[in-house]
mmCIF file of all heavy atoms, coordinates in Angstrom:
data_MODEL
# 
_entry.id   MODEL 
# 
loop_
_atom_site.group_PDB 
_atom_site.id 
_atom_site.type_symbol 
_atom_site.label_atom_id 
_atom_site.label_alt_id 
_atom_site.label_comp_id 
_atom_site.label_asym_id 
_atom_site.label_entity_id 
_atom_site.label_seq_id 
_atom_site.pdbx_PDB_ins_code 
_atom_site.Cartn_x 
_atom_site.Cartn_y 
_atom_site.Cartn_z 
_atom_site.occupancy 
_atom_site.B_iso_or_equiv 
_atom_site.pdbx_formal_charge 
_atom_site.auth_seq_id 
_atom_site.auth_comp_id 
_atom_site.auth_asym_id 
_atom_site.auth_atom_id 
_atom_site.pdbx_PDB_model_num 
ATOM 1   N N   . LYS A 1 1  ? 0.843  -1.190  0.000   1.00 0.00 ? 1  LYS A N   1 
ATOM 2   C CA  . LYS A 1 1  ? 0.000  0.000   0.000   1.00 0.00 ? 1  LYS A CA  1 
ATOM 3   C C   . LYS A 1 1  ? 0.886  1.250   0.000   1.00 0.00 ? 1  LYS A C   1 
ATOM 4   O O   . LYS A 1 1  ? 1.715  1.423   0.889   1.00 0.00 ? 1  LYS A O   1 
ATOM 5   C CB  . LYS A 1 1  ? -0.910 0.026   1.234   1.00 0.00 ? 1  LYS A CB  1 
ATOM 6   C CG  . LYS A 1 1  ? -1.814 -1.202  1.377   1.00 0.00 ? 1  LYS A CG  1 
ATOM 7   C CD  . LYS A 1 1  ? -2.854 -1.287  0.271   1.00 0.00 ? 1  LYS A CD  1 
ATOM 8   C CE  . LYS A 1 1  ? -3.780 -2.480  0.498   1.00 0.00 ? 1  LYS A CE  1 
ATOM 9   N NZ  . LYS A 1 1  ? -4.783 -2.603  -0.582  1.00 0.00 ? 1  LYS A NZ  1 
ATOM 10  N N   . ILE A 1 2  ? 0.688  2.087   -1.003  1.00 0.00 ? 2  ILE A N   1 
ATOM 11  C CA  . ILE A 1 2  ? 1.408  3.357   -1.087  1.00 0.00 ? 2  ILE A CA  1 
ATOM 12  C C   . ILE A 1 2  ? 0.380  4.472   -0.929  1.00 0.00 ? 2  ILE A C   1 
ATOM 13  O O   . ILE A 1 2  ? -0.577 4.536   -1.705  1.00 0.00 ? 2  ILE A O   1 
ATOM 14  C CB  . ILE A 1 2  ? 2.145  3.493   -2.430  1.00 0.00 ? 2  ILE A CB  1 
ATOM 15  C CG1 . ILE A 1 2  ? 3.087  2.288   -2.646  1.00 0.00 ? 2  ILE A CG1 1 
ATOM 16  C CG2 . ILE A 1 2  ? 2.929  4.801   -2.491  1.00 0.00 ? 2  ILE A CG2 1 
ATOM 17  C CD1 . ILE A 1 2  ? 3.765  2.273   -3.985  1.00 0.00 ? 2  ILE A CD1 1 
ATOM 18  N N   . PRO A 1 3  ? 0.535  5.329   0.063   1.00 0.00 ? 3  PRO A N   1 
ATOM 19  C CA  . PRO A 1 3  ? -0.454 6.394   0.283   1.00 0.00 ? 3  PRO A CA  1 
ATOM 20  C C   . PRO A 1 3  ? -0.686 7.233   -0.962  1.00 0.00 ? 3  PRO A C   1 
ATOM 21  O O   . PRO A 1 3  ? 0.256  7.544   -1.692  1.00 0.00 ? 3  PRO A O   1 
ATOM 22  C CB  . PRO A 1 3  ? 0.173  7.223   1.414   1.00 0.00 ? 3  PRO A CB  1 
ATOM 23  C CG  . PRO A 1 3  ? 1.113  6.282   2.100   1.00 0.00 ? 3  PRO A CG  1 
ATOM 24  C CD  . PRO A 1 3  ? 1.631  5.361   1.045   1.00 0.00 ? 3  PRO A CD  1 
ATOM 25  N N   . THR A 1 4  ? -1.951 7.567   -1.204  1.00 0.00 ? 4  THR A N   1 
ATOM 26  C CA  . THR A 1 4  ? -2.418 8.406   -2.320  1.00 0.00 ? 4  THR A CA  1 
ATOM 27  C C   . THR A 1 4  ? -2.273 7.740   -3.678  1.00 0.00 ? 4  THR A C   1 
ATOM 28  O O   . THR A 1 4  ? -2.543 8.362   -4.705  1.00 0.00 ? 4  THR A O   1 
ATOM 29  C CB  . THR A 1 4  ? -1.679 9.768   -2.363  1.00 0.00 ? 4  THR A CB  1 
ATOM 30  O OG1 . THR A 1 4  ? -0.325 9.556   -2.794  1.00 0.00 ? 4  THR A OG1 1 
ATOM 31  C CG2 . THR A 1 4  ? -1.698 10.452  -1.004  1.00 0.00 ? 4  THR A CG2 1 
ATOM 32  N N   . LEU A 1 5  ? -1.838 6.471   -3.713  1.00 0.00 ? 5  LEU A N   1 
ATOM 33  C CA  . LEU A 1 5  ? -1.702 5.763   -4.986  1.00 0.00 ? 5  LEU A CA  1 
ATOM 34  C C   . LEU A 1 5  ? -2.645 4.581   -5.031  1.00 0.00 ? 5  LEU A C   1 
ATOM 35  O O   . LEU A 1 5  ? -2.945 3.965   -3.999  1.00 0.00 ? 5  LEU A O   1 
ATOM 36  C CB  . LEU A 1 5  ? -0.268 5.270   -5.174  1.00 0.00 ? 5  LEU A CB  1 
ATOM 37  C CG  . LEU A 1 5  ? 0.816  6.331   -5.408  1.00 0.00 ? 5  LEU A CG  1 
ATOM 38  C CD1 . LEU A 1 5  ? 2.165  5.643   -5.577  1.00 0.00 ? 5  LEU A CD1 1 
ATOM 39  C CD2 . LEU A 1 5  ? 0.488  7.178   -6.621  1.00 0.00 ? 5  LEU A CD2 1 
ATOM 40  N N   . PRO A 1 6  ? -3.130 4.208   -6.231  1.00 0.00 ? 6  PRO A N   1 
ATOM 41  C CA  . PRO A 1 6  ? -3.950 3.001   -6.337  1.00 0.00 ? 6  PRO A CA  1 
ATOM 42  C C   . PRO A 1 6  ? -3.102 1.778   -6.039  1.00 0.00 ? 6  PRO A C   1 
ATOM 43  O O   . PRO A 1 6  ? -1.871 1.811   -6.205  1.00 0.00 ? 6  PRO A O   1 
ATOM 44  C CB  . PRO A 1 6  ? -4.410 3.021   -7.809  1.00 0.00 ? 6  PRO A CB  1 
ATOM 45  C CG  . PRO A 1 6  ? -3.387 3.837   -8.520  1.00 0.00 ? 6  PRO A CG  1 
ATOM 46  C CD  . PRO A 1 6  ? -2.935 4.867   -7.527  1.00 0.00 ? 6  PRO A CD  1 
ATOM 47  N N   . PRO A 1 7  ? -3.700 0.690   -5.594  1.00 0.00 ? 7  PRO A N   1 
ATOM 48  C CA  . PRO A 1 7  ? -2.917 -0.517  -5.290  1.00 0.00 ? 7  PRO A CA  1 
ATOM 49  C C   . PRO A 1 7  ? -2.263 -1.083  -6.542  1.00 0.00 ? 7  PRO A C   1 
ATOM 50  O O   . PRO A 1 7  ? -2.799 -0.969  -7.649  1.00 0.00 ? 7  PRO A O   1 
ATOM 51  C CB  . PRO A 1 7  ? -3.974 -1.477  -4.720  1.00 0.00 ? 7  PRO A CB  1 
ATOM 52  C CG  . PRO A 1 7  ? -5.275 -0.991  -5.277  1.00 0.00 ? 7  PRO A CG  1 
ATOM 53  C CD  . PRO A 1 7  ? -5.140 0.502   -5.369  1.00 0.00 ? 7  PRO A CD  1 
ATOM 54  N N   . LEU A 1 8  ? -1.101 -1.700  -6.370  1.00 0.00 ? 8  LEU A N   1 
ATOM 55  C CA  . LEU A 1 8  ? -0.440 -2.355  -7.489  1.00 0.00 ? 8  LEU A CA  1 
ATOM 56  C C   . LEU A 1 8  ? -1.285 -3.540  -7.948  1.00 0.00 ? 8  LEU A C   1 
ATOM 57  O O   . LEU A 1 8  ? -1.889 -4.226  -7.137  1.00 0.00 ? 8  LEU A O   1 
ATOM 58  C CB  . LEU A 1 8  ? 0.952  -2.836  -7.077  1.00 0.00 ? 8  LEU A CB  1 
ATOM 59  C CG  . LEU A 1 8  ? 1.990  -1.742  -6.783  1.00 0.00 ? 8  LEU A CG  1 
ATOM 60  C CD1 . LEU A 1 8  ? 3.281  -2.370  -6.281  1.00 0.00 ? 8  LEU A CD1 1 
ATOM 61  C CD2 . LEU A 1 8  ? 2.257  -0.901  -8.025  1.00 0.00 ? 8  LEU A CD2 1 
ATOM 62  N N   . PRO A 1 9  ? -1.347 -3.813  -9.246  1.00 0.00 ? 9  PRO A N   1 
ATOM 63  C CA  . PRO A 1 9  ? -2.184 -4.914  -9.742  1.00 0.00 ? 9  PRO A CA  1 
ATOM 64  C C   . PRO A 1 9  ? -1.669 -6.265  -9.265  1.00 0.00 ? 9  PRO A C   1 
ATOM 65  O O   . PRO A 1 9  ? -0.473 -6.558  -9.423  1.00 0.00 ? 9  PRO A O   1 
ATOM 66  C CB  . PRO A 1 9  ? -2.082 -4.777  -11.270 1.00 0.00 ? 9  PRO A CB  1 
ATOM 67  C CG  . PRO A 1 9  ? -0.830 -3.990  -11.504 1.00 0.00 ? 9  PRO A CG  1 
ATOM 68  C CD  . PRO A 1 9  ? -0.669 -3.084  -10.330 1.00 0.00 ? 9  PRO A CD  1 
ATOM 69  N N   . PRO A 1 10 ? -2.538 -7.115  -8.691  1.00 0.00 ? 10 PRO A N   1 
ATOM 70  C CA  . PRO A 1 10 ? -2.099 -8.441  -8.229  1.00 0.00 ? 10 PRO A CA  1 
ATOM 71  C C   . PRO A 1 10 ? -1.501 -9.293  -9.335  1.00 0.00 ? 10 PRO A C   1 
ATOM 72  O O   . PRO A 1 10 ? -0.669 -10.170 -9.064  1.00 0.00 ? 10 PRO A O   1 
ATOM 73  C CB  . PRO A 1 10 ? -3.393 -9.063  -7.690  1.00 0.00 ? 10 PRO A CB  1 
ATOM 74  C CG  . PRO A 1 10 ? -4.267 -7.904  -7.349  1.00 0.00 ? 10 PRO A CG  1 
ATOM 75  C CD  . PRO A 1 10 ? -3.947 -6.850  -8.361  1.00 0.00 ? 10 PRO A CD  1 
ATOM 76  N N   . LEU A 1 11 ? -1.908 -9.056  -10.588 1.00 0.00 ? 11 LEU A N   1 
ATOM 77  C CA  . LEU A 1 11 ? -1.385 -9.847  -11.695 1.00 0.00 ? 11 LEU A CA  1 
ATOM 78  C C   . LEU A 1 11 ? 0.136  -9.745  -11.794 1.00 0.00 ? 11 LEU A C   1 
ATOM 79  O O   . LEU A 1 11 ? 0.797  -10.653 -12.314 1.00 0.00 ? 11 LEU A O   1 
ATOM 80  C CB  . LEU A 1 11 ? -2.042 -9.416  -13.005 1.00 0.00 ? 11 LEU A CB  1 
ATOM 81  C CG  . LEU A 1 11 ? -1.935 -7.941  -13.422 1.00 0.00 ? 11 LEU A CG  1 
ATOM 82  C CD1 . LEU A 1 11 ? -0.675 -7.658  -14.208 1.00 0.00 ? 11 LEU A CD1 1 
ATOM 83  C CD2 . LEU A 1 11 ? -3.169 -7.544  -14.211 1.00 0.00 ? 11 LEU A CD2 1 
ATOM 84  N N   . LEU A 1 12 ? 0.709  -8.655  -11.290 1.00 0.00 ? 12 LEU A N   1 
ATOM 85  C CA  . LEU A 1 12 ? 2.159  -8.508  -11.303 1.00 0.00 ? 12 LEU A CA  1 
ATOM 86  C C   . LEU A 1 12 ? 2.812  -9.571  -10.424 1.00 0.00 ? 12 LEU A C   1 
ATOM 87  O O   . LEU A 1 12 ? 3.817  -10.188 -10.803 1.00 0.00 ? 12 LEU A O   1 
ATOM 88  C CB  . LEU A 1 12 ? 2.536  -7.109  -10.827 1.00 0.00 ? 12 LEU A CB  1 
ATOM 89  C CG  . LEU A 1 12 ? 4.020  -6.743  -10.874 1.00 0.00 ? 12 LEU A CG  1 
ATOM 90  C CD1 . LEU A 1 12 ? 4.521  -6.743  -12.310 1.00 0.00 ? 12 LEU A CD1 1 
ATOM 91  C CD2 . LEU A 1 12 ? 4.266  -5.390  -10.220 1.00 0.00 ? 12 LEU A CD2 1 
ATOM 92  N N   . GLY A 1 13 ? 2.228  -9.809  -9.248  1.00 0.00 ? 13 GLY A N   1 
ATOM 93  C CA  . GLY A 1 13 ? 2.739  -10.850 -8.366  1.00 0.00 ? 13 GLY A CA  1 
ATOM 94  C C   . GLY A 1 13 ? 2.585  -12.233 -8.963  1.00 0.00 ? 13 GLY A C   1 
ATOM 95  O O   . GLY A 1 13 ? 3.454  -13.106 -8.783  1.00 0.00 ? 13 GLY A O   1 
ATOM 96  N N   . MET A 1 14 ? 1.470  -12.460 -9.659  1.00 0.00 ? 14 MET A N   1 
ATOM 97  C CA  . MET A 1 14 ? 1.250  -13.757 -10.307 1.00 0.00 ? 14 MET A CA  1 
ATOM 98  C C   . MET A 1 14 ? 2.303  -14.006 -11.383 1.00 0.00 ? 14 MET A C   1 
ATOM 99  O O   . MET A 1 14 ? 2.829  -15.115 -11.517 1.00 0.00 ? 14 MET A O   1 
ATOM 100 C CB  . MET A 1 14 ? -0.151 -13.795 -10.924 1.00 0.00 ? 14 MET A CB  1 
ATOM 101 C CG  . MET A 1 14 ? -1.278 -13.593 -9.927  1.00 0.00 ? 14 MET A CG  1 
ATOM 102 S SD  . MET A 1 14 ? -2.870 -13.419 -10.764 1.00 0.00 ? 14 MET A SD  1 
ATOM 103 C CE  . MET A 1 14 ? -3.929 -12.992 -9.354  1.00 0.00 ? 14 MET A CE  1 
ATOM 104 N N   . LEU A 1 15 ? 2.605  -12.966 -12.157 1.00 0.00 ? 15 LEU A N   1 
ATOM 105 C CA  . LEU A 1 15 ? 3.606  -13.086 -13.221 1.00 0.00 ? 15 LEU A CA  1 
ATOM 106 C C   . LEU A 1 15 ? 4.988  -13.381 -12.644 1.00 0.00 ? 15 LEU A C   1 
ATOM 107 O O   . LEU A 1 15 ? 5.701  -14.270 -13.127 1.00 0.00 ? 15 LEU A O   1 
ATOM 108 C CB  . LEU A 1 15 ? 3.633  -11.786 -14.021 1.00 0.00 ? 15 LEU A CB  1 
ATOM 109 C CG  . LEU A 1 15 ? 4.455  -11.761 -15.300 1.00 0.00 ? 15 LEU A CG  1 
ATOM 110 C CD1 . LEU A 1 15 ? 3.729  -12.516 -16.405 1.00 0.00 ? 15 LEU A CD1 1 
ATOM 111 C CD2 . LEU A 1 15 ? 4.720  -10.327 -15.741 1.00 0.00 ? 15 LEU A CD2 1 
ATOM 112 N N   . ILE A 1 16 ? 5.345  -12.657 -11.597 1.00 0.00 ? 16 ILE A N   1 
ATOM 113 C CA  . ILE A 1 16 ? 6.659  -12.849 -10.976 1.00 0.00 ? 16 ILE A CA  1 
ATOM 114 C C   . ILE A 1 16 ? 6.762  -14.228 -10.337 1.00 0.00 ? 16 ILE A C   1 
ATOM 115 O O   . ILE A 1 16 ? 7.818  -14.876 -10.384 1.00 0.00 ? 16 ILE A O   1 
ATOM 116 C CB  . ILE A 1 16 ? 6.922  -11.739 -9.937  1.00 0.00 ? 16 ILE A CB  1 
ATOM 117 C CG1 . ILE A 1 16 ? 7.024  -10.384 -10.648 1.00 0.00 ? 16 ILE A CG1 1 
ATOM 118 C CG2 . ILE A 1 16 ? 8.192  -12.019 -9.156  1.00 0.00 ? 16 ILE A CG2 1 
ATOM 119 C CD1 . ILE A 1 16 ? 7.142  -9.206  -9.701  1.00 0.00 ? 16 ILE A CD1 1 
ATOM 120 N N   . ALA A 1 17 ? 5.659  -14.708 -9.749  1.00 0.00 ? 17 ALA A N   1 
ATOM 121 C CA  . ALA A 1 17 ? 5.667  -16.046 -9.124  1.00 0.00 ? 17 ALA A CA  1 
ATOM 122 C C   . ALA A 1 17 ? 5.990  -17.121 -10.159 1.00 0.00 ? 17 ALA A C   1 
ATOM 123 O O   . ALA A 1 17 ? 6.814  -18.010 -9.925  1.00 0.00 ? 17 ALA A O   1 
ATOM 124 C CB  . ALA A 1 17 ? 4.318  -16.316 -8.466  1.00 0.00 ? 17 ALA A CB  1 
ATOM 125 N N   . GLY A 1 18 ? 5.330  -17.045 -11.317 1.00 0.00 ? 18 GLY A N   1 
ATOM 126 C CA  . GLY A 1 18 ? 5.628  -18.015 -12.377 1.00 0.00 ? 18 GLY A CA  1 
ATOM 127 C C   . GLY A 1 18 ? 7.048  -17.906 -12.872 1.00 0.00 ? 18 GLY A C   1 
ATOM 128 O O   . GLY A 1 18 ? 7.721  -18.917 -13.141 1.00 0.00 ? 18 GLY A O   1 
ATOM 129 N N   . PHE A 1 19 ? 7.553  -16.676 -12.990 1.00 0.00 ? 19 PHE A N   1 
ATOM 130 C CA  . PHE A 1 19 ? 8.925  -16.460 -13.440 1.00 0.00 ? 19 PHE A CA  1 
ATOM 131 C C   . PHE A 1 19 ? 9.931  -17.055 -12.455 1.00 0.00 ? 19 PHE A C   1 
ATOM 132 O O   . PHE A 1 19 ? 10.912 -17.703 -12.851 1.00 0.00 ? 19 PHE A O   1 
ATOM 133 C CB  . PHE A 1 19 ? 9.168  -14.957 -13.605 1.00 0.00 ? 19 PHE A CB  1 
ATOM 134 C CG  . PHE A 1 19 ? 10.558 -14.595 -14.028 1.00 0.00 ? 19 PHE A CG  1 
ATOM 135 C CD1 . PHE A 1 19 ? 10.976 -14.776 -15.330 1.00 0.00 ? 19 PHE A CD1 1 
ATOM 136 C CD2 . PHE A 1 19 ? 11.457 -14.081 -13.099 1.00 0.00 ? 19 PHE A CD2 1 
ATOM 137 C CE1 . PHE A 1 19 ? 12.268 -14.436 -15.717 1.00 0.00 ? 19 PHE A CE1 1 
ATOM 138 C CE2 . PHE A 1 19 ? 12.744 -13.736 -13.472 1.00 0.00 ? 19 PHE A CE2 1 
ATOM 139 C CZ  . PHE A 1 19 ? 13.151 -13.918 -14.788 1.00 0.00 ? 19 PHE A CZ  1 
ATOM 140 N N   . LEU A 1 20 ? 9.688  -16.875 -11.157 1.00 0.00 ? 20 LEU A N   1 
ATOM 141 C CA  . LEU A 1 20 ? 10.601 -17.421 -10.139 1.00 0.00 ? 20 LEU A CA  1 
ATOM 142 C C   . LEU A 1 20 ? 10.575 -18.946 -10.137 1.00 0.00 ? 20 LEU A C   1 
ATOM 143 O O   . LEU A 1 20 ? 11.619 -19.595 -9.983  1.00 0.00 ? 20 LEU A O   1 
ATOM 144 C CB  . LEU A 1 20 ? 10.224 -16.873 -8.760  1.00 0.00 ? 20 LEU A CB  1 
ATOM 145 C CG  . LEU A 1 20 ? 10.469 -15.385 -8.540  1.00 0.00 ? 20 LEU A CG  1 
ATOM 146 C CD1 . LEU A 1 20 ? 9.960  -14.954 -7.170  1.00 0.00 ? 20 LEU A CD1 1 
ATOM 147 C CD2 . LEU A 1 20 ? 11.951 -15.045 -8.686  1.00 0.00 ? 20 LEU A CD2 1 
ATOM 148 N N   . ILE A 1 21 ? 9.386  -19.522 -10.291 1.00 0.00 ? 21 ILE A N   1 
ATOM 149 C CA  . ILE A 1 21 ? 9.286  -20.984 -10.318 1.00 0.00 ? 21 ILE A CA  1 
ATOM 150 C C   . ILE A 1 21 ? 10.125 -21.552 -11.459 1.00 0.00 ? 21 ILE A C   1 
ATOM 151 O O   . ILE A 1 21 ? 10.790 -22.583 -11.310 1.00 0.00 ? 21 ILE A O   1 
ATOM 152 C CB  . ILE A 1 21 ? 7.805  -21.405 -10.454 1.00 0.00 ? 21 ILE A CB  1 
ATOM 153 C CG1 . ILE A 1 21 ? 7.087  -21.186 -9.119  1.00 0.00 ? 21 ILE A CG1 1 
ATOM 154 C CG2 . ILE A 1 21 ? 7.691  -22.866 -10.886 1.00 0.00 ? 21 ILE A CG2 1 
ATOM 155 C CD1 . ILE A 1 21 ? 5.602  -21.471 -9.180  1.00 0.00 ? 21 ILE A CD1 1 
ATOM 156 N N   . ARG A 1 22 ? 10.101 -20.877 -12.599 1.00 0.00 ? 22 ARG A N   1 
ATOM 157 C CA  . ARG A 1 22 ? 10.853 -21.368 -13.757 1.00 0.00 ? 22 ARG A CA  1 
ATOM 158 C C   . ARG A 1 22 ? 12.360 -21.197 -13.586 1.00 0.00 ? 22 ARG A C   1 
ATOM 159 O O   . ARG A 1 22 ? 13.147 -22.000 -14.136 1.00 0.00 ? 22 ARG A O   1 
ATOM 160 C CB  . ARG A 1 22 ? 10.390 -20.626 -15.015 1.00 0.00 ? 22 ARG A CB  1 
ATOM 161 C CG  . ARG A 1 22 ? 11.172 -20.971 -16.285 1.00 0.00 ? 22 ARG A CG  1 
ATOM 162 C CD  . ARG A 1 22 ? 10.985 -22.446 -16.650 1.00 0.00 ? 22 ARG A CD  1 
ATOM 163 N NE  . ARG A 1 22 ? 11.783 -22.819 -17.789 1.00 0.00 ? 22 ARG A NE  1 
ATOM 164 C CZ  . ARG A 1 22 ? 11.401 -22.691 -19.057 1.00 0.00 ? 22 ARG A CZ  1 
ATOM 165 N NH1 . ARG A 1 22 ? 10.204 -22.175 -19.328 1.00 0.00 ? 22 ARG A NH1 1 
ATOM 166 N NH2 . ARG A 1 22 ? 12.170 -23.078 -20.038 1.00 0.00 ? 22 ARG A NH2 1 
ATOM 167 N N   . ASN A 1 23 ? 12.800 -20.206 -12.827 1.00 0.00 ? 23 ASN A N   1 
ATOM 168 C CA  . ASN A 1 23 ? 14.215 -19.846 -12.814 1.00 0.00 ? 23 ASN A CA  1 
ATOM 169 C C   . ASN A 1 23 ? 14.937 -20.139 -11.508 1.00 0.00 ? 23 ASN A C   1 
ATOM 170 O O   . ASN A 1 23 ? 16.113 -19.795 -11.375 1.00 0.00 ? 23 ASN A O   1 
ATOM 171 C CB  . ASN A 1 23 ? 14.357 -18.364 -13.172 1.00 0.00 ? 23 ASN A CB  1 
ATOM 172 C CG  . ASN A 1 23 ? 13.981 -18.082 -14.618 1.00 0.00 ? 23 ASN A CG  1 
ATOM 173 O OD1 . ASN A 1 23 ? 14.750 -18.334 -15.529 1.00 0.00 ? 23 ASN A OD1 1 
ATOM 174 N ND2 . ASN A 1 23 ? 12.767 -17.580 -14.819 1.00 0.00 ? 23 ASN A ND2 1 
ATOM 175 N N   . ILE A 1 24 ? 14.267 -20.750 -10.511 1.00 0.00 ? 24 ILE A N   1 
ATOM 176 C CA  . ILE A 1 24 ? 14.954 -21.231 -9.310  1.00 0.00 ? 24 ILE A CA  1 
ATOM 177 C C   . ILE A 1 24 ? 15.310 -22.694 -9.540  1.00 0.00 ? 24 ILE A C   1 
ATOM 178 O O   . ILE A 1 24 ? 14.412 -23.531 -9.719  1.00 0.00 ? 24 ILE A O   1 
ATOM 179 C CB  . ILE A 1 24 ? 14.068 -21.062 -8.060  1.00 0.00 ? 24 ILE A CB  1 
ATOM 180 C CG1 . ILE A 1 24 ? 13.774 -19.576 -7.813  1.00 0.00 ? 24 ILE A CG1 1 
ATOM 181 C CG2 . ILE A 1 24 ? 14.746 -21.671 -6.842  1.00 0.00 ? 24 ILE A CG2 1 
ATOM 182 C CD1 . ILE A 1 24 ? 12.851 -19.316 -6.653  1.00 0.00 ? 24 ILE A CD1 1 
ATOM 183 N N   . PRO A 1 25 ? 16.596 -23.044 -9.565  1.00 0.00 ? 25 PRO A N   1 
ATOM 184 C CA  . PRO A 1 25 ? 17.035 -24.367 -10.037 1.00 0.00 ? 25 PRO A CA  1 
ATOM 185 C C   . PRO A 1 25 ? 16.288 -25.557 -9.443  1.00 0.00 ? 25 PRO A C   1 
ATOM 186 O O   . PRO A 1 25 ? 15.739 -26.370 -10.183 1.00 0.00 ? 25 PRO A O   1 
ATOM 187 C CB  . PRO A 1 25 ? 18.523 -24.389 -9.656  1.00 0.00 ? 25 PRO A CB  1 
ATOM 188 C CG  . PRO A 1 25 ? 18.924 -22.950 -9.676  1.00 0.00 ? 25 PRO A CG  1 
ATOM 189 C CD  . PRO A 1 25 ? 17.725 -22.193 -9.198  1.00 0.00 ? 25 PRO A CD  1 
ATOM 190 N N   . TRP A 1 26 ? 16.259 -25.693 -8.126  1.00 0.00 ? 26 TRP A N   1 
ATOM 191 C CA  . TRP A 1 26 ? 15.641 -26.888 -7.542  1.00 0.00 ? 26 TRP A CA  1 
ATOM 192 C C   . TRP A 1 26 ? 14.127 -26.888 -7.763  1.00 0.00 ? 26 TRP A C   1 
ATOM 193 O O   . TRP A 1 26 ? 13.531 -27.936 -8.033  1.00 0.00 ? 26 TRP A O   1 
ATOM 194 C CB  . TRP A 1 26 ? 15.938 -26.962 -6.040  1.00 0.00 ? 26 TRP A CB  1 
ATOM 195 C CG  . TRP A 1 26 ? 15.354 -28.179 -5.385  1.00 0.00 ? 26 TRP A CG  1 
ATOM 196 C CD1 . TRP A 1 26 ? 15.900 -29.433 -5.345  1.00 0.00 ? 26 TRP A CD1 1 
ATOM 197 C CD2 . TRP A 1 26 ? 14.103 -28.271 -4.696  1.00 0.00 ? 26 TRP A CD2 1 
ATOM 198 N NE1 . TRP A 1 26 ? 15.076 -30.303 -4.675  1.00 0.00 ? 26 TRP A NE1 1 
ATOM 199 C CE2 . TRP A 1 26 ? 13.958 -29.619 -4.256  1.00 0.00 ? 26 TRP A CE2 1 
ATOM 200 C CE3 . TRP A 1 26 ? 13.097 -27.365 -4.397  1.00 0.00 ? 26 TRP A CE3 1 
ATOM 201 C CZ2 . TRP A 1 26 ? 12.852 -30.054 -3.553  1.00 0.00 ? 26 TRP A CZ2 1 
ATOM 202 C CZ3 . TRP A 1 26 ? 11.987 -27.802 -3.695  1.00 0.00 ? 26 TRP A CZ3 1 
ATOM 203 C CH2 . TRP A 1 26 ? 11.869 -29.131 -3.279  1.00 0.00 ? 26 TRP A CH2 1 
ATOM 204 N N   . VAL A 1 27 ? 13.525 -25.732 -7.663  1.00 0.00 ? 27 VAL A N   1 
ATOM 205 C CA  . VAL A 1 27 ? 12.073 -25.636 -7.809  1.00 0.00 ? 27 VAL A CA  1 
ATOM 206 C C   . VAL A 1 27 ? 11.627 -26.012 -9.208  1.00 0.00 ? 27 VAL A C   1 
ATOM 207 O O   . VAL A 1 27 ? 10.644 -26.744 -9.397  1.00 0.00 ? 27 VAL A O   1 
ATOM 208 C CB  . VAL A 1 27 ? 11.585 -24.206 -7.459  1.00 0.00 ? 27 VAL A CB  1 
ATOM 209 C CG1 . VAL A 1 27 ? 10.086 -24.064 -7.714  1.00 0.00 ? 27 VAL A CG1 1 
ATOM 210 C CG2 . VAL A 1 27 ? 11.905 -23.886 -6.012  1.00 0.00 ? 27 VAL A CG2 1 
ATOM 211 N N   . THR A 1 28 ? 12.330 -25.530 -10.223 1.00 0.00 ? 28 THR A N   1 
ATOM 212 C CA  . THR A 1 28 ? 11.917 -25.794 -11.596 1.00 0.00 ? 28 THR A CA  1 
ATOM 213 C C   . THR A 1 28 ? 11.981 -27.274 -11.948 1.00 0.00 ? 28 THR A C   1 
ATOM 214 O O   . THR A 1 28 ? 11.278 -27.748 -12.852 1.00 0.00 ? 28 THR A O   1 
ATOM 215 C CB  . THR A 1 28 ? 12.779 -24.977 -12.584 1.00 0.00 ? 28 THR A CB  1 
ATOM 216 O OG1 . THR A 1 28 ? 12.214 -25.064 -13.884 1.00 0.00 ? 28 THR A OG1 1 
ATOM 217 C CG2 . THR A 1 28 ? 14.209 -25.506 -12.622 1.00 0.00 ? 28 THR A CG2 1 
ATOM 218 N N   . GLU A 1 29 ? 12.814 -28.037 -11.230 1.00 0.00 ? 29 GLU A N   1 
ATOM 219 C CA  . GLU A 1 29 ? 12.878 -29.486 -11.465 1.00 0.00 ? 29 GLU A CA  1 
ATOM 220 C C   . GLU A 1 29 ? 11.667 -30.205 -10.891 1.00 0.00 ? 29 GLU A C   1 
ATOM 221 O O   . GLU A 1 29 ? 11.288 -31.279 -11.365 1.00 0.00 ? 29 GLU A O   1 
ATOM 222 C CB  . GLU A 1 29 ? 14.154 -30.050 -10.845 1.00 0.00 ? 29 GLU A CB  1 
ATOM 223 C CG  . GLU A 1 29 ? 15.438 -29.534 -11.505 1.00 0.00 ? 29 GLU A CG  1 
ATOM 224 C CD  . GLU A 1 29 ? 16.679 -30.017 -10.784 1.00 0.00 ? 29 GLU A CD  1 
ATOM 225 O OE1 . GLU A 1 29 ? 16.516 -30.770 -9.787  1.00 0.00 ? 29 GLU A OE1 1 
ATOM 226 O OE2 . GLU A 1 29 ? 17.789 -29.651 -11.191 1.00 0.00 ? 29 GLU A OE2 1 
# 
């Protein structure tokens, strides 16, 4: 939450989560 700003879109977190799953060595296996 940033005062006076709209909330960041949750889809950004979803995108980053998928990206991390693909690029963390043990997890991607």
